[in-house]
Amino acid sequence: MSVITSIVRMVLKVKFTTNYKFNFTYDDFDPKRSEPYILILNHTQLNDPLFISMNLKYYLYPVASNLLYTNKYMKFGLTRVIKSIPKRKGQSDSKTIRMILEAFNKDHRGILVAPEGNSSFYGEQTPTDYISTAKLVKKLNKDLIIGKIDGGYFAHPRWGKLRKGANIEITYRPLIKAGAFAQYTLEEIAKIMEDAISFNDYQWIEKRDYIYKNKDLAEGIENIIYACPKCGRIQTIESKHNDVYCTHCGKIASFDEKQHLTGQYSTLIDWNIYQKKLLKKHLNDSFQTTGKLYILDLINSNRNFKGDYEIKLFKNELIITNEAHQFIFD
């Protein structure tokens, strides 16, 4: 392990242990093991891969989406600070397999895989087809370990602010031993991984004494919640501190110290189920927002910023416009 890698790992560990309260459990797993293995994790927030590797003596090579390498800071971290393995989302990649085998056989290092791909939006696992990951782990035939994270979503939801001092529990345990994959079908391996990764932070916290006294638990919720359960209007949601408002109805919900909601829905999981059903009634409506446009170069791992744009979705067209340019997508 290089000096810069060791320094960065130490700095990150200090940073994370300052922000969060971790509880690590090792169930028939040695965090100091040097023999290569495959570790999969559930994806509760963006820092999960760093959390998982933090307490392991030998960091694992993450299998990361090639989209991440178009961000210059992520690219630096994934290529200069540590070694990583780029993967095209949703596609089989022979180059990825070769790099994994090189990690095992040449560097004698394990790999880290997040089958969900995306971190959770609503507090539970993201629906995923596990067959492609099952094919990978069966082909590699190394010990398959799960790093299960509970509380990561509440600690820093991808739509909201950091809850400093939040509790995160991480449990490591074996799922399938090397040499035992032949007795399982791909579907059985996929089901084993799906069951192991499944999580629900709302159910988890009900069995804990943890509370969150933060003052901005609702801030940013309008990034993922767009429908009011009182009036049924779309894109009327606003947040302030721990409260949720509709621009038509006023205050409609608040977060309590267990991160549950007062109001019609007690969890964002249930609220999302409602809004997805409601959205079907608005398919012919026009939706507007703003955003930043980047052109991605996946071959050379670059992204070029093209400016701020107004975005309109109307029936079968996505229209992106600013003073200089307009793009229309069917």
C-alpha atoms as a PDB file:
ATOM      1  CA  MET A   1       0.000   0.000   0.000  1.00  0.00           C
ATOM      2  CA  SER A   2       1.465   3.367  -1.018  1.00  0.00           C
ATOM      3  CA  VAL A   3       2.185   6.147   1.452  1.00  0.00           C
ATOM      4  CA  ILE A   4      -0.438   8.433  -0.116  1.00  0.00           C
ATOM      5  CA  THR A   5      -3.055   5.682   0.103  1.00  0.00           C
ATOM      6  CA  SER A   6      -2.293   5.102   3.784  1.00  0.00           C
ATOM      7  CA  ILE A   7      -2.456   8.830   4.549  1.00  0.00           C
ATOM      8  CA  VAL A   8      -5.757   9.310   2.714  1.00  0.00           C
ATOM      9  CA  ARG A   9      -7.280   6.270   4.439  1.00  0.00           C
ATOM     10  CA  MET A  10      -6.232   7.641   7.828  1.00  0.00           C
ATOM     11  CA  VAL A  11      -7.633  11.110   7.059  1.00  0.00           C
ATOM     12  CA  LEU A  12     -10.949   9.634   5.867  1.00  0.00           C
ATOM     13  CA  LYS A  13     -11.203   7.439   8.947  1.00  0.00           C
ATOM     14  CA  VAL A  14     -10.713  10.456  11.216  1.00  0.00           C
ATOM     15  CA  LYS A  15     -13.275  12.433   9.210  1.00  0.00           C
ATOM     16  CA  PHE A  16     -15.907   9.699   9.240  1.00  0.00           C
ATOM     17  CA  THR A  17     -15.470   8.777  12.906  1.00  0.00           C
ATOM     18  CA  THR A  18     -15.851  12.479  13.733  1.00  0.00           C
ATOM     19  CA  ASN A  19     -19.122  12.731  11.791  1.00  0.00           C
ATOM     20  CA  TYR A  20     -20.657   9.350  12.648  1.00  0.00           C
ATOM     21  CA  LYS A  21     -20.838   6.737  15.416  1.00  0.00           C
ATOM     22  CA  PHE A  22     -19.836   3.377  13.948  1.00  0.00           C
ATOM     23  CA  ASN A  23     -20.487  -0.094  15.295  1.00  0.00           C
ATOM     24  CA  PHE A  24     -18.625  -2.859  13.392  1.00  0.00           C
ATOM     25  CA  THR A  25     -19.557  -6.539  13.787  1.00  0.00           C
ATOM     26  CA  TYR A  26     -17.526  -9.394  12.309  1.00  0.00           C
ATOM     27  CA  ASP A  27     -19.486 -12.644  12.002  1.00  0.00           C
ATOM     28  CA  ASP A  28     -17.062 -15.416  10.989  1.00  0.00           C
ATOM     29  CA  PHE A  29     -14.995 -12.829   9.117  1.00  0.00           C
ATOM     30  CA  ASP A  30     -11.473 -11.537   9.794  1.00  0.00           C
ATOM     31  CA  PRO A  31     -11.013  -7.838   8.897  1.00  0.00           C
ATOM     32  CA  LYS A  32      -7.252  -8.473   8.674  1.00  0.00           C
ATOM     33  CA  ARG A  33      -7.517 -11.283   6.120  1.00  0.00           C
ATOM     34  CA  SER A  34      -5.166 -10.940   3.168  1.00  0.00           C
ATOM     35  CA  GLU A  35      -6.562 -13.721   0.968  1.00  0.00           C
ATOM     36  CA  PRO A  36      -8.572 -12.225  -1.949  1.00  0.00           C
ATOM     37  CA  TYR A  37     -12.367 -12.341  -1.719  1.00  0.00           C
ATOM     38  CA  ILE A  38     -15.469 -10.635  -3.113  1.00  0.00           C
ATOM     39  CA  LEU A  39     -17.348  -8.274  -0.826  1.00  0.00           C
ATOM     40  CA  ILE A  40     -20.787  -6.970  -1.797  1.00  0.00           C
ATOM     41  CA  LEU A  41     -22.612  -4.208   0.052  1.00  0.00           C
ATOM     42  CA  ASN A  42     -26.015  -2.601   0.227  1.00  0.00           C
ATOM     43  CA  HIS A  43     -25.997   1.019  -0.949  1.00  0.00           C
ATOM     44  CA  THR A  44     -27.469   3.369   1.685  1.00  0.00           C
ATOM     45  CA  GLN A  45     -25.501   6.533   0.860  1.00  0.00           C
ATOM     46  CA  LEU A  46     -22.683   7.756  -1.386  1.00  0.00           C
ATOM     47  CA  ASN A  47     -19.885   7.033   1.135  1.00  0.00           C
ATOM     48  CA  ASP A  48     -20.766   3.363   1.667  1.00  0.00           C
ATOM     49  CA  PRO A  49     -17.719   1.907  -0.163  1.00  0.00           C
ATOM     50  CA  LEU A  50     -15.440   4.058   2.002  1.00  0.00           C
ATOM     51  CA  PHE A  51     -17.225   2.991   5.188  1.00  0.00           C
ATOM     52  CA  ILE A  52     -16.932  -0.687   4.260  1.00  0.00           C
ATOM     53  CA  SER A  53     -13.191  -0.492   3.561  1.00  0.00           C
ATOM     54  CA  MET A  54     -12.357   1.772   6.490  1.00  0.00           C
ATOM     55  CA  ASN A  55     -11.824  -0.961   9.082  1.00  0.00           C
ATOM     56  CA  LEU A  56     -10.252  -3.542   6.746  1.00  0.00           C
ATOM     57  CA  LYS A  57      -6.482  -3.918   6.925  1.00  0.00           C
ATOM     58  CA  TYR A  58      -6.205  -4.349   3.142  1.00  0.00           C
ATOM     59  CA  TYR A  59      -8.529  -2.083   1.172  1.00  0.00           C
ATOM     60  CA  LEU A  60     -10.600  -3.717  -1.552  1.00  0.00           C
ATOM     61  CA  TYR A  61     -10.486  -2.613  -5.187  1.00  0.00           C
ATOM     62  CA  PRO A  62     -13.911  -1.093  -5.878  1.00  0.00           C
ATOM     63  CA  VAL A  63     -15.690  -1.994  -9.106  1.00  0.00           C
ATOM     64  CA  ALA A  64     -16.963   1.468 -10.041  1.00  0.00           C
ATOM     65  CA  SER A  65     -19.180   2.858 -12.777  1.00  0.00           C
ATOM     66  CA  ASN A  66     -17.189   4.429 -15.605  1.00  0.00           C
ATOM     67  CA  LEU A  67     -19.395   7.520 -15.194  1.00  0.00           C
ATOM     68  CA  LEU A  68     -17.533   8.310 -11.957  1.00  0.00           C
ATOM     69  CA  TYR A  69     -14.257   8.671 -13.837  1.00  0.00           C
ATOM     70  CA  THR A  70     -15.626  11.640 -15.808  1.00  0.00           C
ATOM     71  CA  ASN A  71     -15.471  13.673 -12.572  1.00  0.00           C
ATOM     72  CA  LYS A  72     -11.864  14.852 -12.217  1.00  0.00           C
ATOM     73  CA  TYR A  73     -11.836  14.546  -8.434  1.00  0.00           C
ATOM     74  CA  MET A  74     -13.320  11.058  -8.438  1.00  0.00           C
ATOM     75  CA  LYS A  75     -10.979  10.082 -11.260  1.00  0.00           C
ATOM     76  CA  PHE A  76      -7.973  11.232  -9.221  1.00  0.00           C
ATOM     77  CA  GLY A  77      -9.112   9.293  -6.173  1.00  0.00           C
ATOM     78  CA  LEU A  78      -9.943   6.129  -8.106  1.00  0.00           C
ATOM     79  CA  THR A  79      -6.724   6.099 -10.128  1.00  0.00           C
ATOM     80  CA  ARG A  80      -4.029   7.914  -8.147  1.00  0.00           C
ATOM     81  CA  VAL A  81      -4.999   7.359  -4.508  1.00  0.00           C
ATOM     82  CA  ILE A  82      -6.278   3.782  -4.812  1.00  0.00           C
ATOM     83  CA  LYS A  83      -6.662   1.204  -7.535  1.00  0.00           C
ATOM     84  CA  SER A  84     -10.153   0.636  -8.876  1.00  0.00           C
ATOM     85  CA  ILE A  85     -11.868  -1.274 -11.656  1.00  0.00           C
ATOM     86  CA  PRO A  86     -14.119   0.650 -14.091  1.00  0.00           C
ATOM     87  CA  LYS A  87     -17.367  -0.987 -15.175  1.00  0.00           C
ATOM     88  CA  ARG A  88     -19.949   0.024 -17.741  1.00  0.00           C
ATOM     89  CA  LYS A  89     -23.368  -0.043 -16.085  1.00  0.00           C
ATOM     90  CA  GLY A  90     -25.639  -2.819 -17.262  1.00  0.00           C
ATOM     91  CA  GLN A  91     -23.059  -4.308 -19.633  1.00  0.00           C
ATOM     92  CA  SER A  92     -20.734  -7.278 -19.532  1.00  0.00           C
ATOM     93  CA  ASP A  93     -17.161  -6.103 -19.933  1.00  0.00           C
ATOM     94  CA  SER A  94     -14.246  -8.468 -20.635  1.00  0.00           C
ATOM     95  CA  LYS A  95     -11.799  -5.727 -19.629  1.00  0.00           C
ATOM     96  CA  THR A  96     -13.448  -5.545 -16.219  1.00  0.00           C
ATOM     97  CA  ILE A  97     -13.063  -9.308 -15.770  1.00  0.00           C
ATOM     98  CA  ARG A  98      -9.383  -9.140 -16.734  1.00  0.00           C
ATOM     99  CA  MET A  99      -8.737  -6.340 -14.215  1.00  0.00           C
ATOM    100  CA  ILE A 100     -10.504  -8.301 -11.463  1.00  0.00           C
ATOM    101  CA  LEU A 101      -8.423 -11.400 -12.188  1.00  0.00           C
ATOM    102  CA  GLU A 102      -5.304  -9.238 -12.114  1.00  0.00           C
ATOM    103  CA  ALA A 103      -6.369  -7.872  -8.715  1.00  0.00           C
ATOM    104  CA  PHE A 104      -6.750 -11.438  -7.404  1.00  0.00           C
ATOM    105  CA  ASN A 105      -3.726 -13.071  -8.989  1.00  0.00           C
ATOM    106  CA  LYS A 106      -1.167 -10.269  -9.286  1.00  0.00           C
ATOM    107  CA  ASP A 107      -1.976  -7.846  -6.468  1.00  0.00           C
ATOM    108  CA  HIS A 108      -3.610 -10.470  -4.186  1.00  0.00           C
ATOM    109  CA  ARG A 109      -6.429  -8.083  -3.342  1.00  0.00           C
ATOM    110  CA  GLY A 110     -10.168  -8.533  -2.997  1.00  0.00           C
ATOM    111  CA  ILE A 111     -12.836  -6.563  -4.846  1.00  0.00           C
ATOM    112  CA  LEU A 112     -15.783  -4.483  -3.657  1.00  0.00           C
ATOM    113  CA  VAL A 113     -19.089  -4.567  -5.553  1.00  0.00           C
ATOM    114  CA  ALA A 114     -22.344  -2.650  -4.984  1.00  0.00           C
ATOM    115  CA  PRO A 115     -24.912  -4.610  -7.043  1.00  0.00           C
ATOM    116  CA  GLU A 116     -27.571  -1.902  -6.644  1.00  0.00           C
ATOM    117  CA  GLY A 117     -25.425   0.608  -8.507  1.00  0.00           C
ATOM    118  CA  ASN A 118     -27.243   3.614  -7.035  1.00  0.00           C
ATOM    119  CA  SER A 119     -27.535   4.620  -3.402  1.00  0.00           C
ATOM    120  CA  SER A 120     -30.987   4.622  -1.843  1.00  0.00           C
ATOM    121  CA  PHE A 121     -33.407   7.486  -2.420  1.00  0.00           C
ATOM    122  CA  TYR A 122     -36.135   6.491   0.048  1.00  0.00           C
ATOM    123  CA  GLY A 123     -34.545   4.390   2.809  1.00  0.00           C
ATOM    124  CA  GLU A 124     -34.655   0.866   1.399  1.00  0.00           C
ATOM    125  CA  GLN A 125     -32.797  -1.135  -1.245  1.00  0.00           C
ATOM    126  CA  THR A 126     -32.982  -0.094  -4.890  1.00  0.00           C
ATOM    127  CA  PRO A 127     -34.739  -2.705  -7.100  1.00  0.00           C
ATOM    128  CA  THR A 128     -31.987  -4.486  -9.033  1.00  0.00           C
ATOM    129  CA  ASP A 129     -31.452  -7.468 -11.320  1.00  0.00           C
ATOM    130  CA  TYR A 130     -28.820  -9.518  -9.455  1.00  0.00           C
ATOM    131  CA  ILE A 131     -28.257 -12.065 -12.219  1.00  0.00           C
ATOM    132  CA  SER A 132     -25.325 -10.198 -13.790  1.00  0.00           C
ATOM    133  CA  THR A 133     -23.562 -10.003 -10.409  1.00  0.00           C
ATOM    134  CA  ALA A 134     -24.393 -13.691  -9.803  1.00  0.00           C
ATOM    135  CA  LYS A 135     -22.691 -14.582 -13.091  1.00  0.00           C
ATOM    136  CA  LEU A 136     -19.641 -12.582 -12.053  1.00  0.00           C
ATOM    137  CA  VAL A 137     -19.200 -14.098  -8.582  1.00  0.00           C
ATOM    138  CA  LYS A 138     -19.840 -17.619  -9.844  1.00  0.00           C
ATOM    139  CA  LYS A 139     -17.222 -17.196 -12.557  1.00  0.00           C
ATOM    140  CA  LEU A 140     -14.662 -15.790 -10.108  1.00  0.00           C
ATOM    141  CA  ASN A 141     -15.326 -18.517  -7.496  1.00  0.00           C
ATOM    142  CA  LYS A 142     -13.915 -16.626  -4.499  1.00  0.00           C
ATOM    143  CA  ASP A 143     -15.374 -16.308  -0.996  1.00  0.00           C
ATOM    144  CA  LEU A 144     -18.462 -14.092  -1.187  1.00  0.00           C
ATOM    145  CA  ILE A 145     -18.858 -11.750   1.799  1.00  0.00           C
ATOM    146  CA  ILE A 146     -21.617  -9.244   2.603  1.00  0.00           C
ATOM    147  CA  GLY A 147     -20.910  -5.912   4.262  1.00  0.00           C
ATOM    148  CA  LYS A 148     -24.375  -4.955   5.512  1.00  0.00           C
ATOM    149  CA  ILE A 149     -24.910  -1.301   6.403  1.00  0.00           C
ATOM    150  CA  ASP A 150     -27.782  -0.142   8.615  1.00  0.00           C
ATOM    151  CA  GLY A 151     -28.412   3.515   9.420  1.00  0.00           C
ATOM    152  CA  GLY A 152     -26.371   4.907   6.549  1.00  0.00           C
ATOM    153  CA  TYR A 153     -29.413   6.356   4.809  1.00  0.00           C
ATOM    154  CA  PHE A 154     -30.544   8.284   7.880  1.00  0.00           C
ATOM    155  CA  ALA A 155     -26.985   9.472   8.547  1.00  0.00           C
ATOM    156  CA  HIS A 156     -26.802  11.313   5.224  1.00  0.00           C
ATOM    157  CA  PRO A 157     -29.627  10.755   2.705  1.00  0.00           C
ATOM    158  CA  ARG A 158     -28.551  11.554  -0.847  1.00  0.00           C
ATOM    159  CA  TRP A 159     -31.236  14.264  -1.052  1.00  0.00           C
ATOM    160  CA  GLY A 160     -30.501  15.923   2.303  1.00  0.00           C
ATOM    161  CA  LYS A 161     -27.938  17.139   4.786  1.00  0.00           C
ATOM    162  CA  LEU A 162     -25.457  15.264   6.976  1.00  0.00           C
ATOM    163  CA  ARG A 163     -26.864  14.219  10.364  1.00  0.00           C
ATOM    164  CA  LYS A 164     -23.714  14.628  12.431  1.00  0.00           C
ATOM    165  CA  GLY A 165     -23.318  12.074  15.205  1.00  0.00           C
ATOM    166  CA  ALA A 166     -25.688   9.588  13.534  1.00  0.00           C
ATOM    167  CA  ASN A 167     -25.271   5.870  14.250  1.00  0.00           C
ATOM    168  CA  ILE A 168     -24.178   3.452  11.529  1.00  0.00           C
ATOM    169  CA  GLU A 169     -23.976  -0.298  12.059  1.00  0.00           C
ATOM    170  CA  ILE A 170     -21.905  -2.449   9.685  1.00  0.00           C
ATOM    171  CA  THR A 171     -21.919  -6.254   9.792  1.00  0.00           C
ATOM    172  CA  TYR A 172     -19.592  -8.524   7.795  1.00  0.00           C
ATOM    173  CA  ARG A 173     -20.468 -12.187   7.224  1.00  0.00           C
ATOM    174  CA  PRO A 174     -19.814 -14.872   4.586  1.00  0.00           C
ATOM    175  CA  LEU A 175     -22.535 -15.807   2.093  1.00  0.00           C
ATOM    176  CA  ILE A 176     -20.961 -18.477  -0.140  1.00  0.00           C
ATOM    177  CA  LYS A 177     -17.565 -20.097   0.255  1.00  0.00           C
ATOM    178  CA  ALA A 178     -15.142 -20.477  -2.651  1.00  0.00           C
ATOM    179  CA  GLY A 179     -15.651 -23.871  -4.301  1.00  0.00           C
ATOM    180  CA  ALA A 180     -19.322 -24.059  -3.278  1.00  0.00           C
ATOM    181  CA  PHE A 181     -20.742 -22.050  -6.190  1.00  0.00           C
ATOM    182  CA  ALA A 182     -21.183 -25.143  -8.377  1.00  0.00           C
ATOM    183  CA  GLN A 183     -24.039 -26.367  -6.177  1.00  0.00           C
ATOM    184  CA  TYR A 184     -26.060 -23.188  -6.766  1.00  0.00           C
ATOM    185  CA  THR A 185     -27.915 -21.993  -9.853  1.00  0.00           C
ATOM    186  CA  LEU A 186     -27.511 -18.365 -10.946  1.00  0.00           C
ATOM    187  CA  GLU A 187     -31.029 -17.677  -9.701  1.00  0.00           C
ATOM    188  CA  GLU A 188     -30.192 -19.128  -6.277  1.00  0.00           C
ATOM    189  CA  ILE A 189     -27.006 -17.054  -6.001  1.00  0.00           C
ATOM    190  CA  ALA A 190     -28.931 -13.941  -7.049  1.00  0.00           C
ATOM    191  CA  LYS A 191     -31.578 -14.639  -4.380  1.00  0.00           C
ATOM    192  CA  ILE A 192     -28.925 -15.130  -1.673  1.00  0.00           C
ATOM    193  CA  MET A 193     -27.401 -11.746  -2.536  1.00  0.00           C
ATOM    194  CA  GLU A 194     -30.774 -10.004  -2.789  1.00  0.00           C
ATOM    195  CA  ASP A 195     -31.877 -11.282   0.626  1.00  0.00           C
ATOM    196  CA  ALA A 196     -28.544 -10.285   2.199  1.00  0.00           C
ATOM    197  CA  ILE A 197     -28.601  -6.773   0.724  1.00  0.00           C
ATOM    198  CA  SER A 198     -32.256  -6.058   1.525  1.00  0.00           C
ATOM    199  CA  PHE A 199     -32.604  -3.274   4.108  1.00  0.00           C
ATOM    200  CA  ASN A 200     -35.127  -0.813   5.489  1.00  0.00           C
ATOM    201  CA  ASP A 201     -33.729   1.898   7.762  1.00  0.00           C
ATOM    202  CA  TYR A 202     -37.211   2.715   9.097  1.00  0.00           C
ATOM    203  CA  GLN A 203     -37.703  -0.839  10.378  1.00  0.00           C
ATOM    204  CA  TRP A 204     -34.114  -0.912  11.627  1.00  0.00           C
ATOM    205  CA  ILE A 205     -34.415   2.214  13.774  1.00  0.00           C
ATOM    206  CA  GLU A 206     -37.649   1.037  15.399  1.00  0.00           C
ATOM    207  CA  LYS A 207     -35.546  -1.601  17.196  1.00  0.00           C
ATOM    208  CA  ARG A 208     -32.939   0.926  18.322  1.00  0.00           C
ATOM    209  CA  ASP A 209     -32.796   3.734  20.876  1.00  0.00           C
ATOM    210  CA  TYR A 210     -31.098   6.118  18.448  1.00  0.00           C
ATOM    211  CA  ILE A 211     -32.603   9.580  17.963  1.00  0.00           C
ATOM    212  CA  TYR A 212     -31.770  12.489  15.663  1.00  0.00           C
ATOM    213  CA  LYS A 213     -31.984  15.999  17.126  1.00  0.00           C
ATOM    214  CA  ASN A 214     -30.866  17.754  13.948  1.00  0.00           C
ATOM    215  CA  LYS A 215     -32.704  20.902  12.918  1.00  0.00           C
ATOM    216  CA  ASP A 216     -32.705  20.304   9.147  1.00  0.00           C
ATOM    217  CA  LEU A 217     -34.069  16.782   8.729  1.00  0.00           C
ATOM    218  CA  ALA A 218     -36.462  17.854   5.949  1.00  0.00           C
ATOM    219  CA  GLU A 219     -34.086  20.113   4.007  1.00  0.00           C
ATOM    220  CA  GLY A 220     -33.841  18.950   0.385  1.00  0.00           C
ATOM    221  CA  ILE A 221     -36.819  16.595   0.424  1.00  0.00           C
ATOM    222  CA  GLU A 222     -38.260  18.373  -2.627  1.00  0.00           C
ATOM    223  CA  ASN A 223     -35.446  16.748  -4.614  1.00  0.00           C
ATOM    224  CA  ILE A 224     -37.226  13.384  -4.361  1.00  0.00           C
ATOM    225  CA  ILE A 225     -40.790  14.100  -3.174  1.00  0.00           C
ATOM    226  CA  TYR A 226     -42.916  15.918  -5.743  1.00  0.00           C
ATOM    227  CA  ALA A 227     -46.563  15.134  -4.896  1.00  0.00           C
ATOM    228  CA  CYS A 228     -48.777  16.527  -2.134  1.00  0.00           C
ATOM    229  CA  PRO A 229     -50.948  13.827  -0.490  1.00  0.00           C
ATOM    230  CA  LYS A 230     -53.534  16.421   0.551  1.00  0.00           C
ATOM    231  CA  CYS A 231     -54.331  18.207  -2.710  1.00  0.00           C
ATOM    232  CA  GLY A 232     -52.723  15.821  -5.218  1.00  0.00           C
ATOM    233  CA  ARG A 233     -50.777  18.597  -6.928  1.00  0.00           C
ATOM    234  CA  ILE A 234     -47.373  17.934  -8.497  1.00  0.00           C
ATOM    235  CA  GLN A 235     -44.167  19.966  -7.912  1.00  0.00           C
ATOM    236  CA  THR A 236     -45.558  21.946  -4.976  1.00  0.00           C
ATOM    237  CA  ILE A 237     -43.289  20.532  -2.231  1.00  0.00           C
ATOM    238  CA  GLU A 238     -40.951  22.749  -0.203  1.00  0.00           C
ATOM    239  CA  SER A 239     -38.859  22.126   2.932  1.00  0.00           C
ATOM    240  CA  LYS A 240     -37.751  24.206   5.885  1.00  0.00           C
ATOM    241  CA  HIS A 241     -35.803  22.799   8.816  1.00  0.00           C
ATOM    242  CA  ASN A 242     -37.738  19.678   9.930  1.00  0.00           C
ATOM    243  CA  ASP A 243     -41.000  20.577   8.183  1.00  0.00           C
ATOM    244  CA  VAL A 244     -42.476  19.804   4.770  1.00  0.00           C
ATOM    245  CA  TYR A 245     -44.809  22.240   3.013  1.00  0.00           C
ATOM    246  CA  CYS A 246     -47.061  22.318  -0.013  1.00  0.00           C
ATOM    247  CA  THR A 247     -47.281  25.713  -1.732  1.00  0.00           C
ATOM    248  CA  HIS A 248     -51.055  25.167  -1.952  1.00  0.00           C
ATOM    249  CA  CYS A 249     -51.889  23.426   1.366  1.00  0.00           C
ATOM    250  CA  GLY A 250     -49.246  24.803   3.736  1.00  0.00           C
ATOM    251  CA  LYS A 251     -47.496  22.547   6.256  1.00  0.00           C
ATOM    252  CA  ILE A 252     -48.219  18.888   5.508  1.00  0.00           C
ATOM    253  CA  ALA A 253     -45.599  16.900   7.473  1.00  0.00           C
ATOM    254  CA  SER A 254     -42.663  17.023   9.910  1.00  0.00           C
ATOM    255  CA  PHE A 255     -39.764  14.727  10.726  1.00  0.00           C
ATOM    256  CA  ASP A 256     -39.573  13.438  14.297  1.00  0.00           C
ATOM    257  CA  GLU A 257     -36.482  12.343  16.253  1.00  0.00           C
ATOM    258  CA  LYS A 258     -36.740   8.838  14.752  1.00  0.00           C
ATOM    259  CA  GLN A 259     -36.735  10.313  11.227  1.00  0.00           C
ATOM    260  CA  HIS A 260     -40.305   9.164  10.713  1.00  0.00           C
ATOM    261  CA  LEU A 261     -42.846  11.621   9.336  1.00  0.00           C
ATOM    262  CA  THR A 262     -45.946  13.003  10.948  1.00  0.00           C
ATOM    263  CA  GLY A 263     -48.740  13.442   8.447  1.00  0.00           C
ATOM    264  CA  GLN A 264     -50.395  11.074   6.003  1.00  0.00           C
ATOM    265  CA  TYR A 265     -47.278   8.937   5.410  1.00  0.00           C
ATOM    266  CA  SER A 266     -44.830   7.957   8.130  1.00  0.00           C
ATOM    267  CA  THR A 267     -42.005   6.986   5.755  1.00  0.00           C
ATOM    268  CA  LEU A 268     -40.668   8.282   2.459  1.00  0.00           C
ATOM    269  CA  ILE A 269     -41.045   4.726   1.137  1.00  0.00           C
ATOM    270  CA  ASP A 270     -44.833   4.928   1.492  1.00  0.00           C
ATOM    271  CA  TRP A 271     -44.930   8.511   0.217  1.00  0.00           C
ATOM    272  CA  ASN A 272     -43.036   7.474  -2.909  1.00  0.00           C
ATOM    273  CA  ILE A 273     -45.472   4.618  -3.581  1.00  0.00           C
ATOM    274  CA  TYR A 274     -48.303   7.161  -3.472  1.00  0.00           C
ATOM    275  CA  GLN A 275     -46.627   9.717  -5.734  1.00  0.00           C
ATOM    276  CA  LYS A 276     -45.682   7.136  -8.364  1.00  0.00           C
ATOM    277  CA  LYS A 277     -49.310   6.036  -8.622  1.00  0.00           C
ATOM    278  CA  LEU A 278     -50.425   9.682  -8.782  1.00  0.00           C
ATOM    279  CA  LEU A 279     -47.890  10.475 -11.498  1.00  0.00           C
ATOM    280  CA  LYS A 280     -49.671   8.137 -13.920  1.00  0.00           C
ATOM    281  CA  LYS A 281     -52.604  10.591 -13.915  1.00  0.00           C
ATOM    282  CA  HIS A 282     -50.302  13.433 -14.997  1.00  0.00           C
ATOM    283  CA  LEU A 283     -48.482  11.866 -17.936  1.00  0.00           C
ATOM    284  CA  ASN A 284     -49.842  14.521 -20.310  1.00  0.00           C
ATOM    285  CA  ASP A 285     -48.872  17.421 -18.044  1.00  0.00           C
ATOM    286  CA  SER A 286     -45.932  19.713 -18.691  1.00  0.00           C
ATOM    287  CA  PHE A 287     -43.104  19.631 -16.127  1.00  0.00           C
ATOM    288  CA  GLN A 288     -40.412  22.270 -15.808  1.00  0.00           C
ATOM    289  CA  THR A 289     -37.192  22.609 -13.849  1.00  0.00           C
ATOM    290  CA  THR A 290     -33.602  23.816 -14.220  1.00  0.00           C
ATOM    291  CA  GLY A 291     -30.274  22.031 -14.315  1.00  0.00           C
ATOM    292  CA  LYS A 292     -26.682  21.926 -15.511  1.00  0.00           C
ATOM    293  CA  LEU A 293     -25.757  20.265 -18.802  1.00  0.00           C
ATOM    294  CA  TYR A 294     -22.596  18.196 -19.182  1.00  0.00           C
ATOM    295  CA  ILE A 295     -21.358  16.333 -22.227  1.00  0.00           C
ATOM    296  CA  LEU A 296     -19.745  13.082 -21.080  1.00  0.00           C
ATOM    297  CA  ASP A 297     -16.768  11.526 -22.842  1.00  0.00           C
ATOM    298  CA  LEU A 298     -16.676   7.952 -21.548  1.00  0.00           C
ATOM    299  CA  ILE A 299     -13.748   6.999 -23.787  1.00  0.00           C
ATOM    300  CA  ASN A 300     -11.360   9.607 -22.351  1.00  0.00           C
ATOM    301  CA  SER A 301     -13.098   9.870 -18.964  1.00  0.00           C
ATOM    302  CA  ASN A 302     -13.948  13.575 -19.200  1.00  0.00           C
ATOM    303  CA  ARG A 303     -17.020  15.753 -18.778  1.00  0.00           C
ATOM    304  CA  ASN A 304     -17.501  19.171 -20.353  1.00  0.00           C
ATOM    305  CA  PHE A 305     -19.789  21.706 -18.687  1.00  0.00           C
ATOM    306  CA  LYS A 306     -22.113  23.343 -21.224  1.00  0.00           C
ATOM    307  CA  GLY A 307     -23.987  25.734 -18.956  1.00  0.00           C
ATOM    308  CA  ASP A 308     -27.216  26.182 -17.013  1.00  0.00           C
ATOM    309  CA  TYR A 309     -30.396  25.181 -18.812  1.00  0.00           C
ATOM    310  CA  GLU A 310     -34.147  25.283 -18.439  1.00  0.00           C
ATOM    311  CA  ILE A 311     -35.661  21.831 -18.799  1.00  0.00           C
ATOM    312  CA  LYS A 312     -39.192  21.024 -19.950  1.00  0.00           C
ATOM    313  CA  LEU A 313     -40.815  17.623 -20.209  1.00  0.00           C
ATOM    314  CA  PHE A 314     -43.996  17.582 -22.284  1.00  0.00           C
ATOM    315  CA  LYS A 315     -45.630  14.368 -23.456  1.00  0.00           C
ATOM    316  CA  ASN A 316     -43.006  12.689 -25.666  1.00  0.00           C
ATOM    317  CA  GLU A 317     -40.357  15.424 -25.722  1.00  0.00           C
ATOM    318  CA  LEU A 318     -37.587  16.517 -23.372  1.00  0.00           C
ATOM    319  CA  ILE A 319     -36.537  20.083 -24.253  1.00  0.00           C
ATOM    320  CA  ILE A 320     -33.335  21.596 -22.831  1.00  0.00           C
ATOM    321  CA  THR A 321     -32.870  25.315 -23.519  1.00  0.00           C
ATOM    322  CA  ASN A 322     -30.725  28.313 -22.656  1.00  0.00           C
ATOM    323  CA  GLU A 323     -29.986  31.608 -24.403  1.00  0.00           C
ATOM    324  CA  ALA A 324     -27.521  30.018 -26.816  1.00  0.00           C
ATOM    325  CA  HIS A 325     -28.706  26.477 -27.472  1.00  0.00           C
ATOM    326  CA  GLN A 326     -31.677  24.156 -27.534  1.00  0.00           C
ATOM    327  CA  PHE A 327     -31.691  20.346 -27.477  1.00  0.00           C
ATOM    328  CA  ILE A 328     -34.834  18.269 -28.112  1.00  0.00           C
ATOM    329  CA  PHE A 329     -34.962  14.578 -27.262  1.00  0.00           C
ATOM    330  CA  ASP A 330     -37.794  12.205 -28.175  1.00  0.00           C
END
